[in-house]
PDB file of N, CA and C in Angstrom:
ATOM      1  N   MET A   1      -3.248  -1.864  18.245  1.00  0.00           N
ATOM      2  CA  MET A   1      -2.348  -2.548  17.339  1.00  0.00           C
ATOM      3  C   MET A   1      -1.225  -1.594  16.944  1.00  0.00           C
ATOM      4  N   ASN A   2      -0.017  -2.083  16.999  1.00  0.00           N
ATOM      5  CA  ASN A   2       1.138  -1.315  16.578  1.00  0.00           C
ATOM      6  C   ASN A   2       1.247  -1.407  15.058  1.00  0.00           C
ATOM      7  N   LEU A   3       1.179  -0.261  14.412  1.00  0.00           N
ATOM      8  CA  LEU A   3       1.193  -0.216  12.947  1.00  0.00           C
ATOM      9  C   LEU A   3       2.426  -0.886  12.372  1.00  0.00           C
ATOM     10  N   TYR A   4       3.586  -0.627  12.974  1.00  0.00           N
ATOM     11  CA  TYR A   4       4.828  -1.162  12.425  1.00  0.00           C
ATOM     12  C   TYR A   4       4.960  -2.669  12.637  1.00  0.00           C
ATOM     13  N   LYS A   5       4.373  -3.184  13.708  1.00  0.00           N
ATOM     14  CA  LYS A   5       4.385  -4.632  13.923  1.00  0.00           C
ATOM     15  C   LYS A   5       3.380  -5.330  13.022  1.00  0.00           C
ATOM     16  N   ALA A   6       2.368  -4.598  12.585  1.00  0.00           N
ATOM     17  CA  ALA A   6       1.328  -5.177  11.722  1.00  0.00           C
ATOM     18  C   ALA A   6       1.850  -5.457  10.326  1.00  0.00           C
ATOM     19  N   ILE A   7       2.864  -4.709   9.903  1.00  0.00           N
ATOM     20  CA  ILE A   7       3.396  -4.865   8.544  1.00  0.00           C
ATOM     21  C   ILE A   7       4.464  -5.957   8.565  1.00  0.00           C
ATOM     22  N   THR A   8       4.016  -7.153   8.286  1.00  0.00           N
ATOM     23  CA  THR A   8       4.887  -8.330   8.311  1.00  0.00           C
ATOM     24  C   THR A   8       5.143  -8.815   6.886  1.00  0.00           C
ATOM     25  N   PRO A   9       6.167  -9.643   6.708  1.00  0.00           N
ATOM     26  CA  PRO A   9       6.387 -10.228   5.377  1.00  0.00           C
ATOM     27  C   PRO A   9       5.157 -11.003   4.884  1.00  0.00           C
ATOM     28  N   LYS A  10       4.440 -11.632   5.812  1.00  0.00           N
ATOM     29  CA  LYS A  10       3.234 -12.378   5.426  1.00  0.00           C
ATOM     30  C   LYS A  10       2.169 -11.427   4.877  1.00  0.00           C
ATOM     31  N   LEU A  11       1.952 -10.296   5.557  1.00  0.00           N
ATOM     32  CA  LEU A  11       0.965  -9.320   5.084  1.00  0.00           C
ATOM     33  C   LEU A  11       1.374  -8.770   3.725  1.00  0.00           C
ATOM     34  N   ILE A  12       2.659  -8.457   3.561  1.00  0.00           N
ATOM     35  CA  ILE A  12       3.157  -7.957   2.278  1.00  0.00           C
ATOM     36  C   ILE A  12       2.860  -8.964   1.164  1.00  0.00           C
ATOM     37  N   ALA A  13       3.162 -10.232   1.420  1.00  0.00           N
ATOM     38  CA  ALA A  13       2.926 -11.285   0.424  1.00  0.00           C
ATOM     39  C   ALA A  13       1.435 -11.413   0.106  1.00  0.00           C
ATOM     40  N   GLN A  14       0.579 -11.287   1.108  1.00  0.00           N
ATOM     41  CA  GLN A  14      -0.861 -11.381   0.885  1.00  0.00           C
ATOM     42  C   GLN A  14      -1.365 -10.213   0.041  1.00  0.00           C
ATOM     43  N   ILE A  15      -0.842  -9.028   0.297  1.00  0.00           N
ATOM     44  CA  ILE A  15      -1.240  -7.857  -0.500  1.00  0.00           C
ATOM     45  C   ILE A  15      -0.755  -8.019  -1.937  1.00  0.00           C
ATOM     46  N   GLU A  16       0.473  -8.516  -2.108  1.00  0.00           N
ATOM     47  CA  GLU A  16       0.985  -8.766  -3.466  1.00  0.00           C
ATOM     48  C   GLU A  16       0.063  -9.721  -4.217  1.00  0.00           C
ATOM     49  N   LYS A  17      -0.321 -10.797  -3.559  1.00  0.00           N
ATOM     50  CA  LYS A  17      -1.170 -11.810  -4.195  1.00  0.00           C
ATOM     51  C   LYS A  17      -2.559 -11.245  -4.515  1.00  0.00           C
ATOM     52  N   ALA A  18      -3.131 -10.494  -3.571  1.00  0.00           N
ATOM     53  CA  ALA A  18      -4.486  -9.968  -3.758  1.00  0.00           C
ATOM     54  C   ALA A  18      -4.549  -8.879  -4.829  1.00  0.00           C
ATOM     55  N   THR A  19      -3.473  -8.109  -4.957  1.00  0.00           N
ATOM     56  CA  THR A  19      -3.507  -6.956  -5.857  1.00  0.00           C
ATOM     57  C   THR A  19      -2.778  -7.162  -7.175  1.00  0.00           C
ATOM     58  N   GLY A  20      -1.844  -8.105  -7.208  1.00  0.00           N
ATOM     59  CA  GLY A  20      -1.009  -8.276  -8.394  1.00  0.00           C
ATOM     60  C   GLY A  20       0.111  -7.251  -8.462  1.00  0.00           C
ATOM     61  N   LEU A  21       0.258  -6.447  -7.404  1.00  0.00           N
ATOM     62  CA  LEU A  21       1.327  -5.456  -7.341  1.00  0.00           C
ATOM     63  C   LEU A  21       2.585  -6.092  -6.750  1.00  0.00           C
ATOM     64  N   ILE A  22       3.722  -5.482  -6.998  1.00  0.00           N
ATOM     65  CA  ILE A  22       5.003  -5.974  -6.497  1.00  0.00           C
ATOM     66  C   ILE A  22       5.482  -5.058  -5.381  1.00  0.00           C
ATOM     67  N   PHE A  23       5.941  -5.643  -4.274  1.00  0.00           N
ATOM     68  CA  PHE A  23       6.469  -4.858  -3.167  1.00  0.00           C
ATOM     69  C   PHE A  23       7.908  -4.448  -3.464  1.00  0.00           C
ATOM     70  N   ILE A  24       8.198  -3.174  -3.259  1.00  0.00           N
ATOM     71  CA  ILE A  24       9.547  -2.627  -3.445  1.00  0.00           C
ATOM     72  C   ILE A  24      10.048  -2.162  -2.081  1.00  0.00           C
ATOM     73  N   LYS A  25      11.213  -2.640  -1.684  1.00  0.00           N
ATOM     74  CA  LYS A  25      11.786  -2.209  -0.407  1.00  0.00           C
ATOM     75  C   LYS A  25      12.088  -0.724  -0.459  1.00  0.00           C
ATOM     76  N   ASP A  26      11.953  -0.073   0.685  1.00  0.00           N
ATOM     77  CA  ASP A  26      12.114   1.381   0.766  1.00  0.00           C
ATOM     78  C   ASP A  26      13.513   1.873   0.457  1.00  0.00           C
ATOM     79  N   ASN A  27      14.510   1.002   0.460  1.00  0.00           N
ATOM     80  CA  ASN A  27      15.867   1.477   0.212  1.00  0.00           C
ATOM     81  C   ASN A  27      16.182   1.642  -1.277  1.00  0.00           C
ATOM     82  N   VAL A  28      15.182   1.486  -2.127  1.00  0.00           N
ATOM     83  CA  VAL A  28      15.366   1.712  -3.564  1.00  0.00           C
ATOM     84  C   VAL A  28      15.185   3.205  -3.822  1.00  0.00           C
ATOM     85  N   ALA A  29      16.174   3.834  -4.416  1.00  0.00           N
ATOM     86  CA  ALA A  29      16.117   5.276  -4.659  1.00  0.00           C
ATOM     87  C   ALA A  29      15.199   5.597  -5.827  1.00  0.00           C
ATOM     88  N   GLU A  30      14.548   6.740  -5.730  1.00  0.00           N
ATOM     89  CA  GLU A  30      13.734   7.222  -6.842  1.00  0.00           C
ATOM     90  C   GLU A  30      14.651   7.877  -7.848  1.00  0.00           C
ATOM     91  N   GLY A  31      14.481   7.564  -9.110  1.00  0.00           N
ATOM     92  CA  GLY A  31      15.305   8.162 -10.142  1.00  0.00           C
ATOM     93  C   GLY A  31      14.558   9.240 -10.886  1.00  0.00           C
ATOM     94  N   ASN A  32      15.275  10.009 -11.644  1.00  0.00           N
ATOM     95  CA  ASN A  32      14.665  11.069 -12.430  1.00  0.00           C
ATOM     96  C   ASN A  32      14.221  10.591 -13.810  1.00  0.00           C
ATOM     97  N   VAL A  33      14.684   9.409 -14.220  1.00  0.00           N
ATOM     98  CA  VAL A  33      14.367   8.925 -15.559  1.00  0.00           C
ATOM     99  C   VAL A  33      13.127   8.043 -15.557  1.00  0.00           C
ATOM    100  N   CYS A  34      13.061   7.093 -14.650  1.00  0.00           N
ATOM    101  CA  CYS A  34      11.945   6.152 -14.597  1.00  0.00           C
ATOM    102  C   CYS A  34      10.918   6.618 -13.573  1.00  0.00           C
ATOM    103  N   TYR A  35       9.676   6.713 -13.986  1.00  0.00           N
ATOM    104  CA  TYR A  35       8.617   7.169 -13.106  1.00  0.00           C
ATOM    105  C   TYR A  35       7.815   6.015 -12.494  1.00  0.00           C
ATOM    106  N   ALA A  36       8.273   4.799 -12.656  1.00  0.00           N
ATOM    107  CA  ALA A  36       7.522   3.636 -12.178  1.00  0.00           C
ATOM    108  C   ALA A  36       7.257   3.687 -10.687  1.00  0.00           C
ATOM    109  N   ASN A  37       8.195   4.229  -9.899  1.00  0.00           N
ATOM    110  CA  ASN A  37       8.021   4.287  -8.447  1.00  0.00           C
ATOM    111  C   ASN A  37       7.815   5.704  -7.943  1.00  0.00           C
ATOM    112  N   ASN A  38       7.559   6.629  -8.837  1.00  0.00           N
ATOM    113  CA  ASN A  38       7.380   8.015  -8.453  1.00  0.00           C
ATOM    114  C   ASN A  38       6.078   8.190  -7.700  1.00  0.00           C
ATOM    115  N   VAL A  39       6.119   8.927  -6.579  1.00  0.00           N
ATOM    116  CA  VAL A  39       4.925   9.111  -5.754  1.00  0.00           C
ATOM    117  C   VAL A  39       3.841   9.911  -6.475  1.00  0.00           C
ATOM    118  N   ALA A  40       4.209  10.679  -7.491  1.00  0.00           N
ATOM    119  CA  ALA A  40       3.236  11.481  -8.230  1.00  0.00           C
ATOM    120  C   ALA A  40       2.474  10.673  -9.285  1.00  0.00           C
ATOM    121  N   LEU A  41       2.899   9.454  -9.548  1.00  0.00           N
ATOM    122  CA  LEU A  41       2.245   8.611 -10.547  1.00  0.00           C
ATOM    123  C   LEU A  41       0.837   8.243 -10.077  1.00  0.00           C
ATOM    124  N   ARG A  42      -0.131   8.381 -10.953  1.00  0.00           N
ATOM    125  CA  ARG A  42      -1.509   8.037 -10.593  1.00  0.00           C
ATOM    126  C   ARG A  42      -1.601   6.548 -10.268  1.00  0.00           C
ATOM    127  N   PRO A  43      -2.387   6.191  -9.244  1.00  0.00           N
ATOM    128  CA  PRO A  43      -2.466   4.800  -8.783  1.00  0.00           C
ATOM    129  C   PRO A  43      -2.773   3.776  -9.865  1.00  0.00           C
ATOM    130  N   GLU A  44      -3.626   4.125 -10.825  1.00  0.00           N
ATOM    131  CA  GLU A  44      -4.003   3.139 -11.840  1.00  0.00           C
ATOM    132  C   GLU A  44      -2.835   2.750 -12.749  1.00  0.00           C
ATOM    133  N   PHE A  45      -1.758   3.506 -12.698  1.00  0.00           N
ATOM    134  CA  PHE A  45      -0.580   3.189 -13.501  1.00  0.00           C
ATOM    135  C   PHE A  45       0.550   2.558 -12.679  1.00  0.00           C
ATOM    136  N   LYS A  46       0.337   2.416 -11.387  1.00  0.00           N
ATOM    137  CA  LYS A  46       1.378   1.844 -10.531  1.00  0.00           C
ATOM    138  C   LYS A  46       1.365   0.322 -10.618  1.00  0.00           C
ATOM    139  N   SER A  47       2.547  -0.259 -10.630  1.00  0.00           N
ATOM    140  CA  SER A  47       2.662  -1.718 -10.654  1.00  0.00           C
ATOM    141  C   SER A  47       3.360  -2.230  -9.393  1.00  0.00           C
ATOM    142  N   SER A  48       3.682  -1.309  -8.483  1.00  0.00           N
ATOM    143  CA  SER A  48       4.375  -1.702  -7.262  1.00  0.00           C
ATOM    144  C   SER A  48       3.906  -0.846  -6.085  1.00  0.00           C
ATOM    145  N   PHE A  49       4.251  -1.282  -4.893  1.00  0.00           N
ATOM    146  CA  PHE A  49       3.925  -0.524  -3.686  1.00  0.00           C
ATOM    147  C   PHE A  49       5.076  -0.630  -2.701  1.00  0.00           C
ATOM    148  N   ARG A  50       5.070   0.268  -1.734  1.00  0.00           N
ATOM    149  CA  ARG A  50       6.130   0.339  -0.722  1.00  0.00           C
ATOM    150  C   ARG A  50       5.518   0.269   0.673  1.00  0.00           C
ATOM    151  N   LYS A  51       6.391   0.199   1.654  1.00  0.00           N
ATOM    152  CA  LYS A  51       5.945   0.140   3.051  1.00  0.00           C
ATOM    153  C   LYS A  51       5.054   1.338   3.388  1.00  0.00           C
ATOM    154  N   PHE A  52       5.418   2.505   2.887  1.00  0.00           N
ATOM    155  CA  PHE A  52       4.634   3.719   3.102  1.00  0.00           C
ATOM    156  C   PHE A  52       3.197   3.533   2.615  1.00  0.00           C
ATOM    157  N   ASP A  53       3.029   2.871   1.482  1.00  0.00           N
ATOM    158  CA  ASP A  53       1.699   2.621   0.934  1.00  0.00           C
ATOM    159  C   ASP A  53       0.899   1.672   1.827  1.00  0.00           C
ATOM    160  N   VAL A  54       1.583   0.673   2.387  1.00  0.00           N
ATOM    161  CA  VAL A  54       0.909  -0.268   3.295  1.00  0.00           C
ATOM    162  C   VAL A  54       0.477   0.468   4.568  1.00  0.00           C
ATOM    163  N   GLU A  55       1.329   1.343   5.072  1.00  0.00           N
ATOM    164  CA  GLU A  55       0.972   2.144   6.247  1.00  0.00           C
ATOM    165  C   GLU A  55      -0.268   2.980   5.958  1.00  0.00           C
ATOM    166  N   ASN A  56      -0.291   3.627   4.791  1.00  0.00           N
ATOM    167  CA  ASN A  56      -1.460   4.424   4.407  1.00  0.00           C
ATOM    168  C   ASN A  56      -2.697   3.551   4.248  1.00  0.00           C
ATOM    169  N   TYR A  57      -2.527   2.365   3.691  1.00  0.00           N
ATOM    170  CA  TYR A  57      -3.647   1.437   3.525  1.00  0.00           C
ATOM    171  C   TYR A  57      -4.232   1.059   4.888  1.00  0.00           C
ATOM    172  N   ILE A  58      -3.379   0.702   5.830  1.00  0.00           N
ATOM    173  CA  ILE A  58      -3.844   0.309   7.164  1.00  0.00           C
ATOM    174  C   ILE A  58      -4.540   1.480   7.860  1.00  0.00           C
ATOM    175  N   MET A  59      -3.956   2.665   7.764  1.00  0.00           N
ATOM    176  CA  MET A  59      -4.581   3.839   8.386  1.00  0.00           C
ATOM    177  C   MET A  59      -5.913   4.166   7.708  1.00  0.00           C
ATOM    178  N   GLY A  60      -5.983   3.983   6.399  1.00  0.00           N
ATOM    179  CA  GLY A  60      -7.245   4.180   5.689  1.00  0.00           C
ATOM    180  C   GLY A  60      -8.309   3.198   6.149  1.00  0.00           C
ATOM    181  N   LEU A  61      -7.895   1.940   6.375  1.00  0.00           N
ATOM    182  CA  LEU A  61      -8.834   0.940   6.903  1.00  0.00           C
ATOM    183  C   LEU A  61      -9.364   1.358   8.267  1.00  0.00           C
ATOM    184  N   TYR A  62      -8.473   1.845   9.116  1.00  0.00           N
ATOM    185  CA  TYR A  62      -8.881   2.284  10.451  1.00  0.00           C
ATOM    186  C   TYR A  62      -9.937   3.380  10.352  1.00  0.00           C
ATOM    187  N   LYS A  63      -9.729   4.327   9.442  1.00  0.00           N
ATOM    188  CA  LYS A  63     -10.681   5.428   9.287  1.00  0.00           C
ATOM    189  C   LYS A  63     -12.010   4.943   8.706  1.00  0.00           C
ATOM    190  N   LEU A  64     -11.942   4.034   7.740  1.00  0.00           N
ATOM    191  CA  LEU A  64     -13.154   3.550   7.081  1.00  0.00           C
ATOM    192  C   LEU A  64     -13.964   2.601   7.952  1.00  0.00           C
ATOM    193  N   GLN A  65     -13.267   1.675   8.615  1.00  0.00           N
ATOM    194  CA  GLN A  65     -13.948   0.607   9.334  1.00  0.00           C
ATOM    195  C   GLN A  65     -14.033   0.845  10.826  1.00  0.00           C
ATOM    196  N   ASN A  66     -13.268   1.817  11.336  1.00  0.00           N
ATOM    197  CA  ASN A  66     -13.224   2.101  12.767  1.00  0.00           C
ATOM    198  C   ASN A  66     -12.910   0.835  13.564  1.00  0.00           C
ATOM    199  N   THR A  67     -11.980   0.057  13.060  1.00  0.00           N
ATOM    200  CA  THR A  67     -11.549  -1.172  13.708  1.00  0.00           C
ATOM    201  C   THR A  67     -10.066  -1.369  13.451  1.00  0.00           C
ATOM    202  N   GLN A  68      -9.446  -2.205  14.249  1.00  0.00           N
ATOM    203  CA  GLN A  68      -8.025  -2.473  14.059  1.00  0.00           C
ATOM    204  C   GLN A  68      -7.784  -3.757  13.272  1.00  0.00           C
ATOM    205  N   LYS A  69      -8.839  -4.334  12.738  1.00  0.00           N
ATOM    206  CA  LYS A  69      -8.703  -5.545  11.935  1.00  0.00           C
ATOM    207  C   LYS A  69      -8.232  -5.174  10.532  1.00  0.00           C
ATOM    208  N   ILE A  70      -7.191  -5.850  10.079  1.00  0.00           N
ATOM    209  CA  ILE A  70      -6.664  -5.596   8.740  1.00  0.00           C
ATOM    210  C   ILE A  70      -7.299  -6.587   7.773  1.00  0.00           C
ATOM    211  N   THR A  71      -8.044  -6.047   6.823  1.00  0.00           N
ATOM    212  CA  THR A  71      -8.625  -6.886   5.780  1.00  0.00           C
ATOM    213  C   THR A  71      -7.852  -6.645   4.489  1.00  0.00           C
ATOM    214  N   LEU A  72      -7.735  -7.669   3.692  1.00  0.00           N
ATOM    215  CA  LEU A  72      -6.991  -7.556   2.443  1.00  0.00           C
ATOM    216  C   LEU A  72      -7.839  -6.874   1.374  1.00  0.00           C
ATOM    217  N   PRO A  73      -7.189  -6.106   0.512  1.00  0.00           N
ATOM    218  CA  PRO A  73      -7.933  -5.495  -0.594  1.00  0.00           C
ATOM    219  C   PRO A  73      -8.313  -6.569  -1.605  1.00  0.00           C
ATOM    220  N   LYS A  74      -9.417  -6.336  -2.313  1.00  0.00           N
ATOM    221  CA  LYS A  74      -9.827  -7.323  -3.319  1.00  0.00           C
ATOM    222  C   LYS A  74      -9.028  -7.190  -4.606  1.00  0.00           C
ATOM    223  N   ASP A  75      -8.448  -5.998  -4.829  1.00  0.00           N
ATOM    224  CA  ASP A  75      -7.639  -5.760  -6.027  1.00  0.00           C
ATOM    225  C   ASP A  75      -6.798  -4.503  -5.836  1.00  0.00           C
ATOM    226  N   ALA A  76      -5.999  -4.168  -6.846  1.00  0.00           N
ATOM    227  CA  ALA A  76      -5.105  -3.010  -6.754  1.00  0.00           C
ATOM    228  C   ALA A  76      -5.888  -1.702  -6.633  1.00  0.00           C
ATOM    229  N   THR A  77      -6.984  -1.582  -7.341  1.00  0.00           N
ATOM    230  CA  THR A  77      -7.789  -0.363  -7.279  1.00  0.00           C
ATOM    231  C   THR A  77      -8.277  -0.106  -5.856  1.00  0.00           C
ATOM    232  N   THR A  78      -8.771  -1.148  -5.205  1.00  0.00           N
ATOM    233  CA  THR A  78      -9.240  -1.022  -3.828  1.00  0.00           C
ATOM    234  C   THR A  78      -8.096  -0.648  -2.898  1.00  0.00           C
ATOM    235  N   PHE A  79      -6.934  -1.271  -3.099  1.00  0.00           N
ATOM    236  CA  PHE A  79      -5.763  -0.954  -2.276  1.00  0.00           C
ATOM    237  C   PHE A  79      -5.446   0.536  -2.356  1.00  0.00           C
ATOM    238  N   TRP A  80      -5.373   1.078  -3.572  1.00  0.00           N
ATOM    239  CA  TRP A  80      -5.009   2.487  -3.735  1.00  0.00           C
ATOM    240  C   TRP A  80      -6.109   3.413  -3.234  1.00  0.00           C
ATOM    241  N   GLU A  81      -7.367   3.037  -3.418  1.00  0.00           N
ATOM    242  CA  GLU A  81      -8.471   3.871  -2.921  1.00  0.00           C
ATOM    243  C   GLU A  81      -8.422   3.988  -1.397  1.00  0.00           C
ATOM    244  N   ILE A  82      -8.192   2.871  -0.720  1.00  0.00           N
ATOM    245  CA  ILE A  82      -8.133   2.889   0.743  1.00  0.00           C
ATOM    246  C   ILE A  82      -6.872   3.588   1.234  1.00  0.00           C
ATOM    247  N   ALA A  83      -5.758   3.356   0.569  1.00  0.00           N
ATOM    248  CA  ALA A  83      -4.516   4.035   0.953  1.00  0.00           C
ATOM    249  C   ALA A  83      -4.659   5.545   0.793  1.00  0.00           C
ATOM    250  N   ARG A  84      -5.338   5.973  -0.233  1.00  0.00           N
ATOM    251  CA  ARG A  84      -5.567   7.394  -0.474  1.00  0.00           C
ATOM    252  C   ARG A  84      -6.558   7.986   0.539  1.00  0.00           C
ATOM    253  N   PHE A  85      -7.494   7.159   1.031  1.00  0.00           N
ATOM    254  CA  PHE A  85      -8.504   7.610   1.993  1.00  0.00           C
ATOM    255  C   PHE A  85      -7.874   8.052   3.308  1.00  0.00           C
ATOM    256  N   LYS A  86      -6.722   7.509   3.631  1.00  0.00           N
ATOM    257  CA  LYS A  86      -6.020   7.871   4.870  1.00  0.00           C
ATOM    258  C   LYS A  86      -5.828   9.371   4.968  1.00  0.00           C
ATOM    259  N   ASN A  87      -5.598  10.026   3.852  1.00  0.00           N
ATOM    260  CA  ASN A  87      -5.315  11.458   3.846  1.00  0.00           C
ATOM    261  C   ASN A  87      -6.553  12.329   3.699  1.00  0.00           C
ATOM    262  N   SER A  88      -7.718  11.722   3.563  1.00  0.00           N
ATOM    263  CA  SER A  88      -8.929  12.551   3.378  1.00  0.00           C
ATOM    264  C   SER A  88      -9.626  12.820   4.682  1.00  0.00           C
TER     265      SER A  88
END
């Protein structure tokens, strides 16, 4: 499965619905005043996600499940836990 082809508007919408998080397009610049989209913000305080986060989530699924099937997270906590697992 091609990772970049897997990230479709439909998948983004499904993740938004399952997690209650809002998708932010990558062309939004990070500011120094608002930390809402800062990568250093702890996951439990995040209210949005980006394409990079979806890529990490999919790669985390691959590592956890050893399959190319993309399953939706049950909530935001699960999404961030799996996305973080990609790097472990």
